[in-house]
Protein backbone atom coordinates (compact mmCIF):
# COMPACT_ATOMS: atom_id res chain seq x y z
CA UNK A 1 6.95 -18.20 -21.56
CA UNK A 2 9.26 -19.74 -18.64
CA UNK A 3 7.47 -17.52 -16.14
CA UNK A 4 4.50 -18.69 -17.00
CA UNK A 5 5.10 -22.00 -16.66
CA UNK A 6 6.85 -21.30 -13.49
CA UNK A 7 3.83 -19.10 -12.09
CA UNK A 8 1.18 -22.23 -12.95
CA UNK A 9 3.63 -24.23 -11.31
CA UNK A 10 3.43 -23.07 -8.07
CA UNK A 11 -0.14 -21.83 -8.33
CA UNK A 12 -1.15 -25.72 -8.94
CA UNK A 13 1.13 -26.32 -5.85
CA UNK A 14 -0.62 -24.30 -3.60
CA UNK A 15 -2.49 -25.86 -0.03
CA UNK A 16 -5.13 -24.38 2.00
CA UNK A 17 -3.82 -24.04 5.86
CA UNK A 18 -5.86 -22.44 8.30
CA UNK A 19 -6.16 -21.60 11.91
CA UNK A 20 -8.67 -21.68 14.03
CA UNK A 21 -9.12 -18.60 16.63
CA UNK A 22 -10.98 -18.79 20.10
CA UNK A 23 -10.93 -18.88 23.57
CA UNK A 24 -9.34 -21.91 25.24
CA UNK A 25 -8.03 -23.77 21.53
CA UNK A 26 -11.99 -23.72 20.54
CA UNK A 27 -12.36 -23.10 16.92
CA UNK A 28 -15.19 -20.31 17.15
CA UNK A 29 -13.63 -18.95 14.01
CA UNK A 30 -11.48 -20.02 11.27
CA UNK A 31 -9.01 -18.37 9.40
CA UNK A 32 -7.62 -19.88 5.94
CA UNK A 33 -5.62 -18.98 3.18
CA UNK A 34 -3.43 -20.51 0.65
CA UNK A 35 0.07 -20.92 0.83
CA UNK A 36 3.30 -21.76 -1.31
CA UNK A 37 4.43 -24.99 -0.70
CA UNK A 38 8.23 -25.65 -0.06
CA UNK A 39 10.57 -24.10 -2.79
CA UNK A 40 12.14 -28.31 -2.68
CA UNK A 41 9.02 -29.41 -3.80
CA UNK A 42 7.93 -27.12 -6.49
CA UNK A 43 11.42 -27.40 -7.87
CA UNK A 44 11.30 -30.97 -8.14
CA UNK A 45 7.90 -30.74 -9.78
CA UNK A 46 9.15 -28.48 -12.19
CA UNK A 47 12.53 -30.58 -13.24
CA UNK A 48 10.28 -33.46 -13.91
CA UNK A 49 8.20 -31.93 -16.41
CA UNK A 50 11.34 -30.18 -17.80
CA UNK A 51 12.86 -33.81 -18.17
CA UNK A 52 10.40 -34.90 -19.99
CA UNK A 53 9.97 -31.76 -22.57
CA UNK A 54 8.97 -32.82 -25.88
CA UNK A 55 10.72 -31.14 -28.93
CA UNK A 56 7.64 -29.64 -31.21
CA UNK A 57 8.19 -28.46 -35.09
CA UNK A 58 5.64 -26.41 -37.05
CA UNK A 59 3.54 -29.03 -39.09
CA UNK A 60 3.92 -28.42 -42.77
CA UNK A 61 0.45 -28.93 -43.75
CA UNK A 62 -0.74 -26.27 -41.56
CA UNK A 63 1.74 -23.92 -39.91
CA UNK A 64 -0.54 -23.02 -36.93
CA UNK A 65 -0.28 -26.54 -35.77
CA UNK A 66 2.85 -27.51 -33.63
CA UNK A 67 3.59 -31.85 -34.26
CA UNK A 68 6.01 -33.98 -32.33
CA UNK A 69 9.54 -33.58 -34.03
CA UNK A 70 10.45 -36.85 -33.10
CA UNK A 71 7.93 -39.61 -33.91
CA UNK A 72 9.16 -42.24 -31.43
CA UNK A 73 8.24 -39.88 -28.64
CA UNK A 74 4.90 -39.08 -27.19
CA UNK A 75 2.52 -36.72 -28.03
CA UNK A 76 2.92 -33.65 -26.13
CA UNK A 77 -0.18 -33.17 -23.75
CA UNK A 78 -1.58 -29.51 -22.36
CA UNK A 79 0.48 -30.38 -19.07
CA UNK A 80 3.63 -30.92 -20.83
CA UNK A 81 6.30 -28.71 -21.24
CA UNK A 82 7.50 -28.39 -25.30
CA UNK A 83 10.06 -26.30 -27.21
CA UNK A 84 11.22 -25.93 -30.42
CA UNK A 85 14.52 -25.77 -30.71
CA UNK A 86 17.52 -27.22 -28.43
CA UNK A 87 18.75 -24.65 -26.07
CA UNK A 88 22.95 -23.48 -26.86
CA UNK A 89 25.49 -25.21 -24.93
CA UNK A 90 27.00 -23.04 -23.06
CA UNK A 91 30.22 -25.01 -22.11
CA UNK A 92 31.76 -25.11 -25.46
CA UNK A 93 33.83 -23.09 -27.50
CA UNK A 94 31.60 -21.17 -30.30
CA UNK A 95 33.55 -21.77 -33.54
CA UNK A 96 32.25 -18.05 -35.13
CA UNK A 97 32.93 -15.94 -32.30
CA UNK A 98 36.25 -17.28 -30.71
CA UNK A 99 34.39 -17.61 -27.34
CA UNK A 100 32.60 -19.97 -25.12
CA UNK A 101 29.05 -18.53 -24.04
CA UNK A 102 29.52 -18.63 -20.40
CA UNK A 103 28.79 -15.31 -18.16
CA UNK A 104 32.25 -14.38 -18.28
CA UNK A 105 31.87 -13.88 -22.16
CA UNK A 106 28.52 -12.47 -21.85
CA UNK A 107 29.36 -9.76 -20.38
């Protein structure tokens, strides 16, 4: 699902670029295409959405619905990112396995 969000963010920020063709700078023919924005702009937009993500949980009355987990937070819109559970902290030590979850211990 993360990939879908990333692709949508890139598509949403594409811009139309055109180039004129002709003698002496005349624009007899114009070629246009969609171009990807700078990586920094797309990454900044994704980071803003990530920082504003809303935690949700399955509704008790209807298992097909998701509701905001913390009622002090705003309801998620169609363009907001949502998540069901917190990501693990890869820096902290896991007492069950006796390892941290960093890249070295994942090998």
